[in-house]
């Protein structure tokens, strides 16, 4: 079965003393082939941990992206993945989402 998994990543600058712009968050939705939702969550977590990266930016600052959590998993109802297949949806109330324009 196919599942979508929403991963939450955090960017930090471990050596920065001014934390005013910290952190930056990224929500990433990936496809996972798994037998159960629990298996999908485990696979998504392994994938997210592999995506963790640490590097030196052009400014010379150390930058780290790391997995915070697997926020959610959803079984994809459509068995034939094709253009337009819904892989993730959620209901939002009137709170700001924190997205950048």
PDB file of N, CA and C in Angstrom:
ATOM      1  N   UNK A   1       0.828  -1.171   0.000  1.00  0.00           N
ATOM      2  CA  UNK A   1       0.000   0.000   0.000  1.00  0.00           C
ATOM      3  C   UNK A   1       0.880   1.245   0.000  1.00  0.00           C
ATOM      4  N   UNK A   2       0.309   2.308  -0.517  1.00  0.00           N
ATOM      5  CA  UNK A   2       1.016   3.585  -0.519  1.00  0.00           C
ATOM      6  C   UNK A   2       0.483   4.472   0.602  1.00  0.00           C
ATOM      7  N   UNK A   3       1.401   5.155   1.242  1.00  0.00           N
ATOM      8  CA  UNK A   3       1.072   6.117   2.297  1.00  0.00           C
ATOM      9  C   UNK A   3       1.791   7.425   2.009  1.00  0.00           C
ATOM     10  N   UNK A   4       1.201   8.509   2.456  1.00  0.00           N
ATOM     11  CA  UNK A   4       1.931   9.767   2.484  1.00  0.00           C
ATOM     12  C   UNK A   4       2.358   9.986   3.932  1.00  0.00           C
ATOM     13  N   UNK A   5       3.501  10.587   4.084  1.00  0.00           N
ATOM     14  CA  UNK A   5       4.008  10.879   5.425  1.00  0.00           C
ATOM     15  C   UNK A   5       4.474  12.329   5.454  1.00  0.00           C
ATOM     16  N   UNK A   6       3.998  13.064   6.436  1.00  0.00           N
ATOM     17  CA  UNK A   6       4.399  14.461   6.609  1.00  0.00           C
ATOM     18  C   UNK A   6       5.537  14.508   7.629  1.00  0.00           C
ATOM     19  N   UNK A   7       6.681  15.004   7.182  1.00  0.00           N
ATOM     20  CA  UNK A   7       7.870  15.092   8.026  1.00  0.00           C
ATOM     21  C   UNK A   7       8.119  16.548   8.383  1.00  0.00           C
ATOM     22  N   UNK A   8       8.521  16.790   9.616  1.00  0.00           N
ATOM     23  CA  UNK A   8       8.865  18.135  10.054  1.00  0.00           C
ATOM     24  C   UNK A   8      10.363  18.209  10.274  1.00  0.00           C
ATOM     25  N   UNK A   9      11.008  19.123   9.532  1.00  0.00           N
ATOM     26  CA  UNK A   9      12.441  19.353   9.653  1.00  0.00           C
ATOM     27  C   UNK A   9      12.677  20.724  10.264  1.00  0.00           C
ATOM     28  N   UNK A  10      13.813  20.860  10.938  1.00  0.00           N
ATOM     29  CA  UNK A  10      14.195  22.119  11.572  1.00  0.00           C
ATOM     30  C   UNK A  10      15.593  22.497  11.096  1.00  0.00           C
ATOM     31  N   UNK A  11      15.757  23.788  10.752  1.00  0.00           N
ATOM     32  CA  UNK A  11      17.087  24.297  10.412  1.00  0.00           C
ATOM     33  C   UNK A  11      17.576  25.130  11.577  1.00  0.00           C
ATOM     34  N   UNK A  12      18.785  24.846  12.003  1.00  0.00           N
ATOM     35  CA  UNK A  12      19.394  25.635  13.065  1.00  0.00           C
ATOM     36  C   UNK A  12      20.822  25.999  12.678  1.00  0.00           C
ATOM     37  N   UNK A  13      21.319  27.027  13.334  1.00  0.00           N
ATOM     38  CA  UNK A  13      22.715  27.447  13.203  1.00  0.00           C
ATOM     39  C   UNK A  13      23.341  27.264  14.589  1.00  0.00           C
ATOM     40  N   UNK A  14      23.975  26.141  14.848  1.00  0.00           N
ATOM     41  CA  UNK A  14      24.440  25.852  16.205  1.00  0.00           C
ATOM     42  C   UNK A  14      25.468  26.838  16.749  1.00  0.00           C
ATOM     43  N   UNK A  15      26.189  27.543  15.893  1.00  0.00           N
ATOM     44  CA  UNK A  15      27.215  28.464  16.381  1.00  0.00           C
ATOM     45  C   UNK A  15      26.736  29.910  16.419  1.00  0.00           C
ATOM     46  N   UNK A  16      25.532  30.174  15.964  1.00  0.00           N
ATOM     47  CA  UNK A  16      25.008  31.547  15.936  1.00  0.00           C
ATOM     48  C   UNK A  16      24.626  31.990  17.338  1.00  0.00           C
ATOM     49  N   UNK A  17      25.079  33.172  17.709  1.00  0.00           N
ATOM     50  CA  UNK A  17      24.722  33.719  19.019  1.00  0.00           C
ATOM     51  C   UNK A  17      23.392  34.460  18.951  1.00  0.00           C
ATOM     52  N   UNK A  18      23.064  35.051  17.793  1.00  0.00           N
ATOM     53  CA  UNK A  18      21.789  35.748  17.613  1.00  0.00           C
ATOM     54  C   UNK A  18      20.769  34.740  17.106  1.00  0.00           C
ATOM     55  N   UNK A  19      19.895  34.285  17.970  1.00  0.00           N
ATOM     56  CA  UNK A  19      18.902  33.265  17.612  1.00  0.00           C
ATOM     57  C   UNK A  19      17.579  33.869  17.158  1.00  0.00           C
ATOM     58  N   UNK A  20      17.555  35.170  16.850  1.00  0.00           N
ATOM     59  CA  UNK A  20      16.303  35.853  16.489  1.00  0.00           C
ATOM     60  C   UNK A  20      15.649  35.230  15.260  1.00  0.00           C
ATOM     61  N   UNK A  21      16.437  34.730  14.336  1.00  0.00           N
ATOM     62  CA  UNK A  21      15.875  34.162  13.103  1.00  0.00           C
ATOM     63  C   UNK A  21      15.784  32.642  13.176  1.00  0.00           C
ATOM     64  N   UNK A  22      15.923  32.098  14.346  1.00  0.00           N
ATOM     65  CA  UNK A  22      15.881  30.657  14.520  1.00  0.00           C
ATOM     66  C   UNK A  22      14.510  30.233  14.993  1.00  0.00           C
ATOM     67  N   UNK A  23      14.121  29.046  14.780  1.00  0.00           N
ATOM     68  CA  UNK A  23      14.579  28.199  13.695  1.00  0.00           C
ATOM     69  C   UNK A  23      13.734  28.425  12.449  1.00  0.00           C
ATOM     70  N   UNK A  24      14.092  27.764  11.392  1.00  0.00           N
ATOM     71  CA  UNK A  24      13.280  27.715  10.180  1.00  0.00           C
ATOM     72  C   UNK A  24      12.772  26.288  10.084  1.00  0.00           C
ATOM     73  N   UNK A  25      11.494  26.139   9.771  1.00  0.00           N
ATOM     74  CA  UNK A  25      10.863  24.819   9.704  1.00  0.00           C
ATOM     75  C   UNK A  25      10.527  24.469   8.258  1.00  0.00           C
ATOM     76  N   UNK A  26      10.588  23.191   7.961  1.00  0.00           N
ATOM     77  CA  UNK A  26      10.142  22.700   6.655  1.00  0.00           C
ATOM     78  C   UNK A  26       9.253  21.489   6.881  1.00  0.00           C
ATOM     79  N   UNK A  27       8.082  21.522   6.256  1.00  0.00           N
ATOM     80  CA  UNK A  27       7.218  20.352   6.238  1.00  0.00           C
ATOM     81  C   UNK A  27       7.378  19.710   4.875  1.00  0.00           C
ATOM     82  N   UNK A  28       7.723  18.446   4.867  1.00  0.00           N
ATOM     83  CA  UNK A  28       7.933  17.708   3.624  1.00  0.00           C
ATOM     84  C   UNK A  28       6.983  16.516   3.615  1.00  0.00           C
ATOM     85  N   UNK A  29       6.267  16.329   2.517  1.00  0.00           N
ATOM     86  CA  UNK A  29       5.351  15.199   2.388  1.00  0.00           C
ATOM     87  C   UNK A  29       5.947  14.234   1.371  1.00  0.00           C
ATOM     88  N   UNK A  30       6.155  12.991   1.814  1.00  0.00           N
ATOM     89  CA  UNK A  30       6.776  11.989   0.960  1.00  0.00           C
ATOM     90  C   UNK A  30       5.834  10.803   0.763  1.00  0.00           C
ATOM     91  N   UNK A  31       6.089  10.021  -0.263  1.00  0.00           N
ATOM     92  CA  UNK A  31       5.377   8.766  -0.501  1.00  0.00           C
ATOM     93  C   UNK A  31       6.160   7.629   0.131  1.00  0.00           C
ATOM     94  N   UNK A  32       5.418   6.696   0.746  1.00  0.00           N
ATOM     95  CA  UNK A  32       6.047   5.544   1.382  1.00  0.00           C
ATOM     96  C   UNK A  32       5.271   4.293   0.985  1.00  0.00           C
ATOM     97  N   UNK A  33       5.993   3.283   0.531  1.00  0.00           N
ATOM     98  CA  UNK A  33       5.399   1.986   0.202  1.00  0.00           C
ATOM     99  C   UNK A  33       5.541   1.108   1.441  1.00  0.00           C
ATOM    100  N   UNK A  34       4.412   0.717   2.054  1.00  0.00           N
ATOM    101  CA  UNK A  34       4.463  -0.050   3.295  1.00  0.00           C
ATOM    102  C   UNK A  34       3.239  -0.944   3.429  1.00  0.00           C
ATOM    103  N   UNK A  35       3.354  -1.955   4.279  1.00  0.00           N
ATOM    104  CA  UNK A  35       2.242  -2.874   4.494  1.00  0.00           C
ATOM    105  C   UNK A  35       1.215  -2.324   5.479  1.00  0.00           C
ATOM    106  N   UNK A  36       1.685  -1.556   6.476  1.00  0.00           N
ATOM    107  CA  UNK A  36       0.799  -1.002   7.490  1.00  0.00           C
ATOM    108  C   UNK A  36       1.165   0.462   7.740  1.00  0.00           C
ATOM    109  N   UNK A  37       0.280   1.170   8.429  1.00  0.00           N
ATOM    110  CA  UNK A  37       0.561   2.567   8.751  1.00  0.00           C
ATOM    111  C   UNK A  37       1.757   2.672   9.706  1.00  0.00           C
ATOM    112  N   UNK A  38       1.861   1.735  10.636  1.00  0.00           N
ATOM    113  CA  UNK A  38       3.004   1.725  11.560  1.00  0.00           C
ATOM    114  C   UNK A  38       4.315   1.531  10.792  1.00  0.00           C
ATOM    115  N   UNK A  39       4.304   0.618   9.825  1.00  0.00           N
ATOM    116  CA  UNK A  39       5.477   0.385   8.981  1.00  0.00           C
ATOM    117  C   UNK A  39       5.804   1.643   8.168  1.00  0.00           C
ATOM    118  N   UNK A  40       4.778   2.316   7.673  1.00  0.00           N
ATOM    119  CA  UNK A  40       4.979   3.545   6.900  1.00  0.00           C
ATOM    120  C   UNK A  40       5.632   4.616   7.772  1.00  0.00           C
ATOM    121  N   UNK A  41       5.189   4.740   9.004  1.00  0.00           N
ATOM    122  CA  UNK A  41       5.762   5.733   9.930  1.00  0.00           C
ATOM    123  C   UNK A  41       7.235   5.419  10.194  1.00  0.00           C
ATOM    124  N   UNK A  42       7.543   4.151  10.418  1.00  0.00           N
ATOM    125  CA  UNK A  42       8.935   3.751  10.673  1.00  0.00           C
ATOM    126  C   UNK A  42       9.817   4.042   9.461  1.00  0.00           C
ATOM    127  N   UNK A  43       9.319   3.708   8.276  1.00  0.00           N
ATOM    128  CA  UNK A  43      10.094   3.961   7.052  1.00  0.00           C
ATOM    129  C   UNK A  43      10.286   5.462   6.835  1.00  0.00           C
ATOM    130  N   UNK A  44       9.237   6.244   7.107  1.00  0.00           N
ATOM    131  CA  UNK A  44       9.333   7.696   6.946  1.00  0.00           C
ATOM    132  C   UNK A  44      10.358   8.276   7.916  1.00  0.00           C
ATOM    133  N   UNK A  45      10.384   7.765   9.140  1.00  0.00           N
ATOM    134  CA  UNK A  45      11.352   8.243  10.118  1.00  0.00           C
ATOM    135  C   UNK A  45      12.781   7.918   9.675  1.00  0.00           C
ATOM    136  N   UNK A  46      12.989   6.717   9.156  1.00  0.00           N
ATOM    137  CA  UNK A  46      14.326   6.350   8.659  1.00  0.00           C
ATOM    138  C   UNK A  46      14.732   7.261   7.506  1.00  0.00           C
ATOM    139  N   UNK A  47      13.796   7.523   6.594  1.00  0.00           N
ATOM    140  CA  UNK A  47      14.075   8.413   5.474  1.00  0.00           C
ATOM    141  C   UNK A  47      14.431   9.807   5.975  1.00  0.00           C
ATOM    142  N   UNK A  48      13.638  10.324   6.900  1.00  0.00           N
ATOM    143  CA  UNK A  48      13.875  11.656   7.437  1.00  0.00           C
ATOM    144  C   UNK A  48      15.219  11.780   8.117  1.00  0.00           C
ATOM    145  N   UNK A  49      15.613  10.764   8.859  1.00  0.00           N
ATOM    146  CA  UNK A  49      16.916  10.784   9.533  1.00  0.00           C
ATOM    147  C   UNK A  49      18.061  10.769   8.519  1.00  0.00           C
ATOM    148  N   UNK A  50      17.871  10.073   7.411  1.00  0.00           N
ATOM    149  CA  UNK A  50      18.900  10.047   6.353  1.00  0.00           C
ATOM    150  C   UNK A  50      19.038  11.409   5.675  1.00  0.00           C
ATOM    151  N   UNK A  51      17.957  12.191   5.697  1.00  0.00           N
ATOM    152  CA  UNK A  51      17.970  13.509   5.058  1.00  0.00           C
ATOM    153  C   UNK A  51      18.655  14.572   5.913  1.00  0.00           C
ATOM    154  N   UNK A  52      18.943  14.250   7.166  1.00  0.00           N
ATOM    155  CA  UNK A  52      19.628  15.212   8.041  1.00  0.00           C
ATOM    156  C   UNK A  52      20.962  15.581   7.414  1.00  0.00           C
ATOM    157  N   UNK A  53      21.289  16.869   7.486  1.00  0.00           N
ATOM    158  CA  UNK A  53      22.512  17.345   6.846  1.00  0.00           C
ATOM    159  C   UNK A  53      23.117  18.466   7.680  1.00  0.00           C
ATOM    160  N   UNK A  54      24.413  18.535   7.648  1.00  0.00           N
ATOM    161  CA  UNK A  54      25.146  19.604   8.314  1.00  0.00           C
ATOM    162  C   UNK A  54      26.163  20.131   7.310  1.00  0.00           C
ATOM    163  N   UNK A  55      26.235  21.462   7.163  1.00  0.00           N
ATOM    164  CA  UNK A  55      27.167  22.042   6.200  1.00  0.00           C
ATOM    165  C   UNK A  55      27.533  23.455   6.605  1.00  0.00           C
ATOM    166  N   UNK A  56      28.560  23.982   5.987  1.00  0.00           N
ATOM    167  CA  UNK A  56      28.976  25.359   6.213  1.00  0.00           C
ATOM    168  C   UNK A  56      28.395  26.209   5.080  1.00  0.00           C
ATOM    169  N   UNK A  57      27.632  27.235   5.453  1.00  0.00           N
ATOM    170  CA  UNK A  57      27.005  28.129   4.479  1.00  0.00           C
ATOM    171  C   UNK A  57      28.053  29.074   3.892  1.00  0.00           C
ATOM    172  N   UNK A  58      27.683  29.771   2.825  1.00  0.00           N
ATOM    173  CA  UNK A  58      28.572  30.739   2.185  1.00  0.00           C
ATOM    174  C   UNK A  58      29.043  31.784   3.187  1.00  0.00           C
ATOM    175  N   UNK A  59      28.179  32.113   4.148  1.00  0.00           N
ATOM    176  CA  UNK A  59      28.519  33.109   5.180  1.00  0.00           C
ATOM    177  C   UNK A  59      29.556  32.588   6.167  1.00  0.00           C
ATOM    178  N   UNK A  60      29.837  31.293   6.104  1.00  0.00           N
ATOM    179  CA  UNK A  60      30.778  30.685   7.032  1.00  0.00           C
ATOM    180  C   UNK A  60      30.109  30.051   8.242  1.00  0.00           C
ATOM    181  N   UNK A  61      28.793  30.277   8.398  1.00  0.00           N
ATOM    182  CA  UNK A  61      28.075  29.708   9.532  1.00  0.00           C
ATOM    183  C   UNK A  61      27.805  28.223   9.326  1.00  0.00           C
ATOM    184  N   UNK A  62      27.821  27.486  10.420  1.00  0.00           N
ATOM    185  CA  UNK A  62      27.437  26.090  10.389  1.00  0.00           C
ATOM    186  C   UNK A  62      25.910  26.023  10.343  1.00  0.00           C
ATOM    187  N   UNK A  63      25.367  25.181   9.474  1.00  0.00           N
ATOM    188  CA  UNK A  63      23.920  25.023   9.315  1.00  0.00           C
ATOM    189  C   UNK A  63      23.586  23.543   9.470  1.00  0.00           C
ATOM    190  N   UNK A  64      22.509  23.277  10.198  1.00  0.00           N
ATOM    191  CA  UNK A  64      22.045  21.897  10.353  1.00  0.00           C
ATOM    192  C   UNK A  64      20.562  21.807  10.030  1.00  0.00           C
ATOM    193  N   UNK A  65      20.206  20.809   9.231  1.00  0.00           N
ATOM    194  CA  UNK A  65      18.809  20.451   9.009  1.00  0.00           C
ATOM    195  C   UNK A  65      18.630  19.090   9.652  1.00  0.00           C
ATOM    196  N   UNK A  66      17.587  18.962  10.489  1.00  0.00           N
ATOM    197  CA  UNK A  66      17.374  17.674  11.146  1.00  0.00           C
ATOM    198  C   UNK A  66      15.885  17.380  11.272  1.00  0.00           C
ATOM    199  N   UNK A  67      15.593  16.085  11.293  1.00  0.00           N
ATOM    200  CA  UNK A  67      14.216  15.635  11.448  1.00  0.00           C
ATOM    201  C   UNK A  67      13.762  15.886  12.882  1.00  0.00           C
ATOM    202  N   UNK A  68      12.619  16.519  13.028  1.00  0.00           N
ATOM    203  CA  UNK A  68      12.028  16.727  14.344  1.00  0.00           C
ATOM    204  C   UNK A  68      11.053  15.586  14.638  1.00  0.00           C
ATOM    205  N   UNK A  69      10.169  15.313  13.663  1.00  0.00           N
ATOM    206  CA  UNK A  69       9.189  14.243  13.864  1.00  0.00           C
ATOM    207  C   UNK A  69       8.483  13.891  12.564  1.00  0.00           C
ATOM    208  N   UNK A  70       7.919  12.693  12.561  1.00  0.00           N
ATOM    209  CA  UNK A  70       6.954  12.316  11.534  1.00  0.00           C
ATOM    210  C   UNK A  70       5.622  12.802  12.082  1.00  0.00           C
ATOM    211  N   UNK A  71       5.078  13.850  11.463  1.00  0.00           N
ATOM    212  CA  UNK A  71       3.872  14.480  12.006  1.00  0.00           C
ATOM    213  C   UNK A  71       2.618  13.656  11.760  1.00  0.00           C
ATOM    214  N   UNK A  72       2.547  13.025  10.600  1.00  0.00           N
ATOM    215  CA  UNK A  72       1.316  12.316  10.259  1.00  0.00           C
ATOM    216  C   UNK A  72       1.573  11.356   9.118  1.00  0.00           C
ATOM    217  N   UNK A  73       0.767  10.321   9.039  1.00  0.00           N
ATOM    218  CA  UNK A  73       0.776   9.413   7.888  1.00  0.00           C
ATOM    219  C   UNK A  73      -0.678   9.202   7.461  1.00  0.00           C
ATOM    220  N   UNK A  74      -0.866   9.028   6.159  1.00  0.00           N
ATOM    221  CA  UNK A  74      -2.202   8.788   5.608  1.00  0.00           C
ATOM    222  C   UNK A  74      -2.103   7.713   4.537  1.00  0.00           C
ATOM    223  N   UNK A  75      -3.006   6.755   4.601  1.00  0.00           N
ATOM    224  CA  UNK A  75      -3.078   5.768   3.530  1.00  0.00           C
ATOM    225  C   UNK A  75      -3.650   6.460   2.297  1.00  0.00           C
ATOM    226  N   UNK A  76      -3.022   6.249   1.170  1.00  0.00           N
ATOM    227  CA  UNK A  76      -3.509   6.824  -0.088  1.00  0.00           C
ATOM    228  C   UNK A  76      -4.587   5.889  -0.628  1.00  0.00           C
ATOM    229  N   UNK A  77      -5.760   6.438  -0.831  1.00  0.00           N
ATOM    230  CA  UNK A  77      -6.917   5.633  -1.213  1.00  0.00           C
ATOM    231  C   UNK A  77      -6.839   5.124  -2.655  1.00  0.00           C
ATOM    232  N   UNK A  78      -6.294   5.934  -3.524  1.00  0.00           N
ATOM    233  CA  UNK A  78      -6.205   5.565  -4.941  1.00  0.00           C
ATOM    234  C   UNK A  78      -5.035   4.601  -5.127  1.00  0.00           C
ATOM    235  N   UNK A  79      -5.293   3.428  -5.627  1.00  0.00           N
ATOM    236  CA  UNK A  79      -4.243   2.413  -5.808  1.00  0.00           C
ATOM    237  C   UNK A  79      -3.346   2.694  -7.005  1.00  0.00           C
ATOM    238  N   UNK A  80      -3.856   3.418  -7.993  1.00  0.00           N
ATOM    239  CA  UNK A  80      -3.072   3.757  -9.174  1.00  0.00           C
ATOM    240  C   UNK A  80      -2.594   5.189  -9.050  1.00  0.00           C
ATOM    241  N   UNK A  81      -1.317   5.354  -8.739  1.00  0.00           N
ATOM    242  CA  UNK A  81      -0.766   6.696  -8.621  1.00  0.00           C
ATOM    243  C   UNK A  81      -0.649   7.304 -10.010  1.00  0.00           C
ATOM    244  N   UNK A  82      -1.215   8.485 -10.147  1.00  0.00           N
ATOM    245  CA  UNK A  82      -1.190   9.187 -11.433  1.00  0.00           C
ATOM    246  C   UNK A  82      -1.274  10.674 -11.162  1.00  0.00           C
ATOM    247  N   UNK A  83      -1.125  11.462 -12.176  1.00  0.00           N
ATOM    248  CA  UNK A  83      -1.222  12.904 -12.033  1.00  0.00           C
ATOM    249  C   UNK A  83      -2.570  13.261 -11.421  1.00  0.00           C
ATOM    250  N   UNK A  84      -2.524  14.055 -10.340  1.00  0.00           N
ATOM    251  CA  UNK A  84      -3.743  14.468  -9.671  1.00  0.00           C
ATOM    252  C   UNK A  84      -4.144  13.594  -8.496  1.00  0.00           C
ATOM    253  N   UNK A  85      -3.411  12.494  -8.240  1.00  0.00           N
ATOM    254  CA  UNK A  85      -3.726  11.661  -7.090  1.00  0.00           C
ATOM    255  C   UNK A  85      -3.455  12.436  -5.808  1.00  0.00           C
ATOM    256  N   UNK A  86      -4.436  12.497  -4.926  1.00  0.00           N
ATOM    257  CA  UNK A  86      -4.252  13.197  -3.661  1.00  0.00           C
ATOM    258  C   UNK A  86      -3.366  12.359  -2.753  1.00  0.00           C
ATOM    259  N   UNK A  87      -2.285  12.964  -2.287  1.00  0.00           N
ATOM    260  CA  UNK A  87      -1.367  12.263  -1.397  1.00  0.00           C
ATOM    261  C   UNK A  87      -1.401  12.828   0.021  1.00  0.00           C
ATOM    262  N   UNK A  88      -1.984  14.013   0.186  1.00  0.00           N
ATOM    263  CA  UNK A  88      -2.044  14.615   1.511  1.00  0.00           C
ATOM    264  C   UNK A  88      -3.107  15.699   1.513  1.00  0.00           C
ATOM    265  N   UNK A  89      -3.855  15.765   2.600  1.00  0.00           N
ATOM    266  CA  UNK A  89      -4.787  16.875   2.784  1.00  0.00           C
ATOM    267  C   UNK A  89      -5.011  17.039   4.275  1.00  0.00           C
ATOM    268  N   UNK A  90      -5.416  18.229   4.650  1.00  0.00           N
ATOM    269  CA  UNK A  90      -5.762  18.489   6.041  1.00  0.00           C
ATOM    270  C   UNK A  90      -6.697  19.677   6.090  1.00  0.00           C
ATOM    271  N   UNK A  91      -7.460  19.760   7.152  1.00  0.00           N
ATOM    272  CA  UNK A  91      -8.347  20.884   7.368  1.00  0.00           C
ATOM    273  C   UNK A  91      -7.618  21.913   8.214  1.00  0.00           C
ATOM    274  N   UNK A  92      -7.779  23.179   7.872  1.00  0.00           N
ATOM    275  CA  UNK A  92      -7.145  24.263   8.609  1.00  0.00           C
ATOM    276  C   UNK A  92      -8.227  25.185   9.149  1.00  0.00           C
ATOM    277  N   UNK A  93      -8.030  25.658  10.367  1.00  0.00           N
ATOM    278  CA  UNK A  93      -8.961  26.649  10.887  1.00  0.00           C
ATOM    279  C   UNK A  93      -8.393  28.038  10.578  1.00  0.00           C
ATOM    280  N   UNK A  94      -8.825  29.058  11.257  1.00  0.00           N
ATOM    281  CA  UNK A  94      -8.420  30.414  10.910  1.00  0.00           C
ATOM    282  C   UNK A  94      -7.088  30.841  11.525  1.00  0.00           C
ATOM    283  N   UNK A  95      -6.353  29.915  12.131  1.00  0.00           N
ATOM    284  CA  UNK A  95      -5.033  30.254  12.673  1.00  0.00           C
ATOM    285  C   UNK A  95      -4.036  30.402  11.537  1.00  0.00           C
ATOM    286  N   UNK A  96      -3.055  31.289  11.702  1.00  0.00           N
ATOM    287  CA  UNK A  96      -1.996  31.408  10.679  1.00  0.00           C
ATOM    288  C   UNK A  96      -1.207  30.099  10.615  1.00  0.00           C
ATOM    289  N   UNK A  97      -0.793  29.741   9.420  1.00  0.00           N
ATOM    290  CA  UNK A  97      -0.031  28.511   9.256  1.00  0.00           C
ATOM    291  C   UNK A  97       1.463  28.731   9.404  1.00  0.00           C
ATOM    292  N   UNK A  98       1.905  29.967   9.350  1.00  0.00           N
ATOM    293  CA  UNK A  98       3.329  30.231   9.456  1.00  0.00           C
ATOM    294  C   UNK A  98       4.060  30.079   8.131  1.00  0.00           C
ATOM    295  N   UNK A  99       3.338  29.868   7.060  1.00  0.00           N
ATOM    296  CA  UNK A  99       3.948  29.720   5.740  1.00  0.00           C
ATOM    297  C   UNK A  99       4.483  31.047   5.260  1.00  0.00           C
ATOM    298  N   UNK A 100       5.487  30.975   4.453  1.00  0.00           N
ATOM    299  CA  UNK A 100       6.037  32.185   3.840  1.00  0.00           C
ATOM    300  C   UNK A 100       5.334  32.428   2.517  1.00  0.00           C
ATOM    301  N   UNK A 101       5.060  33.718   2.190  1.00  0.00           N
ATOM    302  CA  UNK A 101       4.372  34.015   0.919  1.00  0.00           C
ATOM    303  C   UNK A 101       5.213  33.633  -0.277  1.00  0.00           C
TER     304      UNK A 101
END
